[in-house]
C-alpha atoms as a PDB file:
ATOM      1  CA  MET A   1      39.109  60.591 -33.589  1.00  0.00           C
ATOM      2  CA  LEU A   2      41.938  59.696 -36.240  1.00  0.00           C
ATOM      3  CA  ILE A   3      42.071  56.366 -37.760  1.00  0.00           C
ATOM      4  CA  ALA A   4      44.378  54.907 -35.255  1.00  0.00           C
ATOM      5  CA  GLU A   5      41.883  55.584 -32.433  1.00  0.00           C
ATOM      6  CA  PHE A   6      38.848  54.591 -34.470  1.00  0.00           C
ATOM      7  CA  CYS A   7      40.372  51.500 -35.504  1.00  0.00           C
ATOM      8  CA  LEU A   8      40.894  50.468 -31.826  1.00  0.00           C
ATOM      9  CA  ARG A   9      37.630  51.417 -30.591  1.00  0.00           C
ATOM     10  CA  ALA A  10      35.709  49.757 -33.970  1.00  0.00           C
ATOM     11  CA  GLY A  11      37.810  46.794 -33.877  1.00  0.00           C
ATOM     12  CA  LEU A  12      39.144  47.107 -37.500  1.00  0.00           C
ATOM     13  CA  THR A  13      42.165  47.008 -39.440  1.00  0.00           C
ATOM     14  CA  ARG A  14      43.064  50.362 -41.620  1.00  0.00           C
ATOM     15  CA  ASP A  15      42.620  48.329 -44.723  1.00  0.00           C
ATOM     16  CA  ALA A  16      38.877  47.439 -43.243  1.00  0.00           C
ATOM     17  CA  VAL A  17      38.432  51.360 -42.377  1.00  0.00           C
ATOM     18  CA  ARG A  18      39.568  52.286 -45.935  1.00  0.00           C
ATOM     19  CA  LEU A  19      37.303  49.659 -47.551  1.00  0.00           C
ATOM     20  CA  TYR A  20      34.346  50.928 -45.573  1.00  0.00           C
ATOM     21  CA  VAL A  21      35.111  54.458 -46.327  1.00  0.00           C
ATOM     22  CA  LYS A  22      35.396  53.589 -50.190  1.00  0.00           C
ATOM     23  CA  LEU A  23      31.755  51.435 -50.197  1.00  0.00           C
ATOM     24  CA  GLY A  24      30.485  54.663 -48.349  1.00  0.00           C
ATOM     25  CA  LEU A  25      29.378  52.599 -45.582  1.00  0.00           C
ATOM     26  CA  ILE A  26      31.315  55.235 -43.222  1.00  0.00           C
ATOM     27  CA  GLU A  27      32.015  59.065 -43.939  1.00  0.00           C
ATOM     28  CA  PRO A  28      34.450  60.548 -42.239  1.00  0.00           C
ATOM     29  CA  GLU A  29      35.126  64.218 -41.924  1.00  0.00           C
ATOM     30  CA  VAL A  30      38.130  65.356 -44.093  1.00  0.00           C
ATOM     31  CA  GLY A  31      40.118  68.408 -43.292  1.00  0.00           C
ATOM     32  CA  ALA A  32      42.911  70.155 -44.355  1.00  0.00           C
ATOM     33  CA  GLY A  33      46.109  70.127 -41.885  1.00  0.00           C
ATOM     34  CA  GLY A  34      48.675  71.460 -43.547  1.00  0.00           C
ATOM     35  CA  SER A  35      49.745  69.233 -46.496  1.00  0.00           C
ATOM     36  CA  ASN A  36      47.741  66.257 -45.295  1.00  0.00           C
ATOM     37  CA  ARG A  37      44.002  65.518 -45.402  1.00  0.00           C
ATOM     38  CA  TYR A  38      43.242  63.916 -42.147  1.00  0.00           C
ATOM     39  CA  GLN A  39      40.093  61.859 -41.835  1.00  0.00           C
ATOM     40  CA  ARG A  40      38.356  62.171 -38.662  1.00  0.00           C
ATOM     41  CA  PHE A  41      36.265  59.746 -37.257  1.00  0.00           C
ATOM     42  CA  ALA A  42      33.047  60.326 -34.968  1.00  0.00           C
ATOM     43  CA  ALA A  43      31.706  57.982 -32.021  1.00  0.00           C
ATOM     44  CA  THR A  44      28.765  57.522 -34.086  1.00  0.00           C
ATOM     45  CA  ASP A  45      31.039  55.904 -36.921  1.00  0.00           C
ATOM     46  CA  VAL A  46      32.126  53.342 -34.038  1.00  0.00           C
ATOM     47  CA  GLU A  47      28.344  52.736 -33.536  1.00  0.00           C
ATOM     48  CA  ARG A  48      27.666  52.275 -37.524  1.00  0.00           C
ATOM     49  CA  VAL A  49      30.527  49.808 -37.785  1.00  0.00           C
ATOM     50  CA  ALA A  50      28.885  47.809 -34.670  1.00  0.00           C
ATOM     51  CA  LEU A  51      25.905  47.558 -36.695  1.00  0.00           C
ATOM     52  CA  ILE A  52      27.627  46.509 -39.755  1.00  0.00           C
ATOM     53  CA  ARG A  53      29.262  43.555 -38.112  1.00  0.00           C
ATOM     54  CA  THR A  54      25.803  42.810 -36.652  1.00  0.00           C
ATOM     55  CA  ALA A  55      24.595  42.387 -40.121  1.00  0.00           C
ATOM     56  CA  GLN A  56      27.022  40.435 -41.227  1.00  0.00           C
ATOM     57  CA  GLN A  57      26.681  37.937 -38.331  1.00  0.00           C
ATOM     58  CA  LEU A  58      23.011  37.758 -39.348  1.00  0.00           C
ATOM     59  CA  GLY A  59      24.324  36.563 -43.315  1.00  0.00           C
ATOM     60  CA  PHE A  60      24.482  40.134 -45.105  1.00  0.00           C
ATOM     61  CA  THR A  61      27.379  40.577 -47.396  1.00  0.00           C
ATOM     62  CA  LEU A  62      28.791  44.068 -47.582  1.00  0.00           C
ATOM     63  CA  LYS A  63      27.394  44.473 -51.127  1.00  0.00           C
ATOM     64  CA  GLN A  64      23.856  43.959 -49.335  1.00  0.00           C
ATOM     65  CA  ILE A  65      24.471  46.380 -46.542  1.00  0.00           C
ATOM     66  CA  VAL A  66      25.800  49.166 -48.843  1.00  0.00           C
ATOM     67  CA  GLU A  67      22.717  48.530 -50.943  1.00  0.00           C
ATOM     68  CA  LEU A  68      20.316  48.697 -47.672  1.00  0.00           C
ATOM     69  CA  SER A  69      22.176  51.726 -46.629  1.00  0.00           C
ATOM     70  CA  ARG A  70      21.451  53.642 -49.874  1.00  0.00           C
ATOM     71  CA  GLU A  71      17.986  52.778 -50.003  1.00  0.00           C
ATOM     72  CA  TYR A  72      17.714  53.764 -46.259  1.00  0.00           C
ATOM     73  CA  ALA A  73      19.466  57.081 -46.756  1.00  0.00           C
ATOM     74  CA  ALA A  74      17.198  57.903 -49.834  1.00  0.00           C
ATOM     75  CA  GLY A  75      14.299  57.608 -47.571  1.00  0.00           C
ATOM     76  CA  ALA A  76      13.293  54.504 -49.314  1.00  0.00           C
ATOM     77  CA  MET A  77      12.675  52.251 -46.180  1.00  0.00           C
ATOM     78  CA  GLU A  78      10.280  54.655 -44.216  1.00  0.00           C
END
């Protein structure tokens, strides 16, 4: 799905989505569509945003979530 639909499904603004992408919290697929490079988001990205929001409600900052996400991806949390 493109960013507009993703924003609706995830309940985020475009700016929030761009921040999450910049921080590496979500990683959309990037393709070439003519002269534009569209970002395509998956249903798993919507689920990941829900998890991020839950973590924020529990008191975690985005910085902490990014650190935990990196540790998990590196296999340091098994």
